[in-house]
């Protein structure tokens, strides 16, 4: 799968990211580096531990990566979770977190198929 096909498969905005990163090889390079990022793993751990400050930081990092890379479908629940945690609240985070996990898994699975 090409990087453009990957973006299409996950409902991401390739056109938007290509305005910020006009070289397709660099878009691919940075998108694939997302696979190495530990924000999701650390977010999960922080939420499990009830560490709201750490959870906020990791959600914010994940949100920023998604916005930079044009991962639109993953960005939306990441933004909502970040805003909930920004208020140092964890009540009701579960549905948002589940949305983040679902979109994250779709994004990672598609990225792993890129040639």
C-alpha atoms as a PDB file:
ATOM      1  CA  UNK A   1       0.000   0.000   0.000  1.00  0.00           C
ATOM      2  CA  UNK A   2       1.305   3.467  -0.799  1.00  0.00           C
ATOM      3  CA  UNK A   3       1.285   6.207   1.814  1.00  0.00           C
ATOM      4  CA  UNK A   4      -1.517   7.971  -0.079  1.00  0.00           C
ATOM      5  CA  UNK A   5      -3.589   4.772  -0.079  1.00  0.00           C
ATOM      6  CA  UNK A   6      -2.901   4.410   3.635  1.00  0.00           C
ATOM      7  CA  UNK A   7      -4.169   7.922   4.297  1.00  0.00           C
ATOM      8  CA  UNK A   8      -7.284   7.185   2.284  1.00  0.00           C
ATOM      9  CA  UNK A   9      -7.873   3.911   4.139  1.00  0.00           C
ATOM     10  CA  UNK A  10      -7.812   5.594   7.550  1.00  0.00           C
ATOM     11  CA  UNK A  11      -9.750   8.690   6.555  1.00  0.00           C
ATOM     12  CA  UNK A  12      -6.712  10.894   7.006  1.00  0.00           C
ATOM     13  CA  UNK A  13      -6.069  14.140   5.158  1.00  0.00           C
ATOM     14  CA  UNK A  14      -3.123  13.511   2.831  1.00  0.00           C
ATOM     15  CA  UNK A  15      -3.719  16.745   0.943  1.00  0.00           C
ATOM     16  CA  UNK A  16      -3.498  18.786   4.135  1.00  0.00           C
ATOM     17  CA  UNK A  17      -0.295  17.134   5.324  1.00  0.00           C
ATOM     18  CA  UNK A  18       1.258  17.430   1.873  1.00  0.00           C
ATOM     19  CA  UNK A  19       0.895  21.224   2.133  1.00  0.00           C
ATOM     20  CA  UNK A  20       2.971  21.170   5.334  1.00  0.00           C
ATOM     21  CA  UNK A  21       5.345  18.473   4.112  1.00  0.00           C
ATOM     22  CA  UNK A  22       5.505  18.836   0.317  1.00  0.00           C
ATOM     23  CA  UNK A  23       7.813  15.856  -0.236  1.00  0.00           C
ATOM     24  CA  UNK A  24       5.868  12.530  -0.392  1.00  0.00           C
ATOM     25  CA  UNK A  25       8.928  10.598   0.802  1.00  0.00           C
ATOM     26  CA  UNK A  26       9.052  12.762   3.927  1.00  0.00           C
ATOM     27  CA  UNK A  27       5.325  12.347   4.535  1.00  0.00           C
ATOM     28  CA  UNK A  28       5.875   8.596   4.418  1.00  0.00           C
ATOM     29  CA  UNK A  29       8.948   8.791   6.659  1.00  0.00           C
ATOM     30  CA  UNK A  30       7.207  10.859   9.338  1.00  0.00           C
ATOM     31  CA  UNK A  31       3.960   8.870   9.154  1.00  0.00           C
ATOM     32  CA  UNK A  32       5.856   5.616   9.630  1.00  0.00           C
ATOM     33  CA  UNK A  33       7.766   7.103  12.589  1.00  0.00           C
ATOM     34  CA  UNK A  34       4.354   7.314  14.279  1.00  0.00           C
ATOM     35  CA  UNK A  35       4.648   3.547  14.763  1.00  0.00           C
ATOM     36  CA  UNK A  36       7.610   4.143  17.102  1.00  0.00           C
ATOM     37  CA  UNK A  37       5.876   6.770  19.224  1.00  0.00           C
ATOM     38  CA  UNK A  38       5.083   5.666  22.782  1.00  0.00           C
ATOM     39  CA  UNK A  39       2.356   8.238  23.544  1.00  0.00           C
ATOM     40  CA  UNK A  40      -0.509   5.751  23.282  1.00  0.00           C
ATOM     41  CA  UNK A  41       1.247   3.188  25.453  1.00  0.00           C
ATOM     42  CA  UNK A  42       2.088   5.825  28.044  1.00  0.00           C
ATOM     43  CA  UNK A  43      -1.438   7.283  27.904  1.00  0.00           C
ATOM     44  CA  UNK A  44      -2.883   3.862  28.620  1.00  0.00           C
ATOM     45  CA  UNK A  45      -0.545   3.356  31.577  1.00  0.00           C
ATOM     46  CA  UNK A  46      -1.259   6.822  32.991  1.00  0.00           C
ATOM     47  CA  UNK A  47      -5.016   6.340  32.777  1.00  0.00           C
ATOM     48  CA  UNK A  48      -4.744   2.925  34.414  1.00  0.00           C
ATOM     49  CA  UNK A  49      -2.687   4.447  37.249  1.00  0.00           C
ATOM     50  CA  UNK A  50      -5.004   7.449  37.640  1.00  0.00           C
ATOM     51  CA  UNK A  51      -2.118   9.800  36.855  1.00  0.00           C
ATOM     52  CA  UNK A  52      -4.154  12.595  35.294  1.00  0.00           C
ATOM     53  CA  UNK A  53      -1.189  14.956  34.698  1.00  0.00           C
ATOM     54  CA  UNK A  54       0.715  12.269  32.807  1.00  0.00           C
ATOM     55  CA  UNK A  55      -2.424  11.199  30.933  1.00  0.00           C
ATOM     56  CA  UNK A  56      -3.016  14.795  29.840  1.00  0.00           C
ATOM     57  CA  UNK A  57       0.561  15.158  28.617  1.00  0.00           C
ATOM     58  CA  UNK A  58       0.399  11.936  26.591  1.00  0.00           C
ATOM     59  CA  UNK A  59      -3.043  12.709  25.155  1.00  0.00           C
ATOM     60  CA  UNK A  60      -1.789  16.174  24.188  1.00  0.00           C
ATOM     61  CA  UNK A  61       1.276  14.677  22.489  1.00  0.00           C
ATOM     62  CA  UNK A  62      -0.854  12.163  20.598  1.00  0.00           C
ATOM     63  CA  UNK A  63      -3.228  14.936  19.535  1.00  0.00           C
ATOM     64  CA  UNK A  64      -0.353  17.052  18.247  1.00  0.00           C
ATOM     65  CA  UNK A  65       1.107  14.186  16.250  1.00  0.00           C
ATOM     66  CA  UNK A  66      -2.268  13.428  14.713  1.00  0.00           C
ATOM     67  CA  UNK A  67      -2.860  17.036  13.733  1.00  0.00           C
ATOM     68  CA  UNK A  68       0.631  17.391  12.281  1.00  0.00           C
ATOM     69  CA  UNK A  69       0.371  14.151  10.316  1.00  0.00           C
ATOM     70  CA  UNK A  70      -3.218  14.734   9.172  1.00  0.00           C
ATOM     71  CA  UNK A  71      -4.613  11.681  10.980  1.00  0.00           C
ATOM     72  CA  UNK A  72      -8.060  13.260  11.092  1.00  0.00           C
ATOM     73  CA  UNK A  73     -10.100  10.384  12.505  1.00  0.00           C
ATOM     74  CA  UNK A  74      -7.632   9.743  15.301  1.00  0.00           C
ATOM     75  CA  UNK A  75      -7.210  13.455  15.989  1.00  0.00           C
ATOM     76  CA  UNK A  76     -10.887  14.031  16.773  1.00  0.00           C
ATOM     77  CA  UNK A  77     -11.219  11.765  19.838  1.00  0.00           C
ATOM     78  CA  UNK A  78      -7.649  12.654  20.868  1.00  0.00           C
ATOM     79  CA  UNK A  79      -8.619  16.327  20.991  1.00  0.00           C
ATOM     80  CA  UNK A  80     -11.726  15.565  23.037  1.00  0.00           C
ATOM     81  CA  UNK A  81      -9.796  13.374  25.482  1.00  0.00           C
ATOM     82  CA  UNK A  82      -7.070  16.007  25.810  1.00  0.00           C
ATOM     83  CA  UNK A  83      -9.629  18.676  26.651  1.00  0.00           C
ATOM     84  CA  UNK A  84     -11.277  16.476  29.268  1.00  0.00           C
ATOM     85  CA  UNK A  85      -7.913  15.750  30.881  1.00  0.00           C
ATOM     86  CA  UNK A  86      -6.825  19.395  30.599  1.00  0.00           C
ATOM     87  CA  UNK A  87      -9.367  20.103  33.320  1.00  0.00           C
ATOM     88  CA  UNK A  88      -7.548  17.493  35.427  1.00  0.00           C
ATOM     89  CA  UNK A  89     -10.689  15.367  35.335  1.00  0.00           C
ATOM     90  CA  UNK A  90     -10.830  11.661  34.649  1.00  0.00           C
ATOM     91  CA  UNK A  91     -14.537  11.117  35.205  1.00  0.00           C
ATOM     92  CA  UNK A  92     -16.125   9.875  32.004  1.00  0.00           C
ATOM     93  CA  UNK A  93     -12.884   9.435  30.082  1.00  0.00           C
ATOM     94  CA  UNK A  94     -13.595   5.798  29.156  1.00  0.00           C
ATOM     95  CA  UNK A  95     -15.797   6.351  26.051  1.00  0.00           C
ATOM     96  CA  UNK A  96     -13.336   8.871  24.627  1.00  0.00           C
ATOM     97  CA  UNK A  97     -10.404   6.620  25.390  1.00  0.00           C
ATOM     98  CA  UNK A  98     -12.153   3.706  23.670  1.00  0.00           C
ATOM     99  CA  UNK A  99     -12.626   5.869  20.558  1.00  0.00           C
ATOM    100  CA  UNK A 100      -8.941   6.809  20.642  1.00  0.00           C
ATOM    101  CA  UNK A 101      -7.944   3.147  20.965  1.00  0.00           C
ATOM    102  CA  UNK A 102     -10.186   2.080  18.073  1.00  0.00           C
ATOM    103  CA  UNK A 103      -8.878   4.758  15.707  1.00  0.00           C
ATOM    104  CA  UNK A 104      -5.299   4.255  16.885  1.00  0.00           C
ATOM    105  CA  UNK A 105      -5.493   0.544  16.101  1.00  0.00           C
ATOM    106  CA  UNK A 106      -6.909   1.246  12.619  1.00  0.00           C
ATOM    107  CA  UNK A 107      -4.188   3.816  11.958  1.00  0.00           C
ATOM    108  CA  UNK A 108      -1.363   1.560  13.126  1.00  0.00           C
ATOM    109  CA  UNK A 109      -2.696  -1.419  11.157  1.00  0.00           C
ATOM    110  CA  UNK A 110      -2.833   0.639   7.958  1.00  0.00           C
ATOM    111  CA  UNK A 111       0.623   2.140   8.501  1.00  0.00           C
ATOM    112  CA  UNK A 112       2.063  -1.348   8.892  1.00  0.00           C
ATOM    113  CA  UNK A 113       0.834  -2.135   5.383  1.00  0.00           C
ATOM    114  CA  UNK A 114       2.717   0.739   3.729  1.00  0.00           C
ATOM    115  CA  UNK A 115       5.380  -0.401   1.278  1.00  0.00           C
END
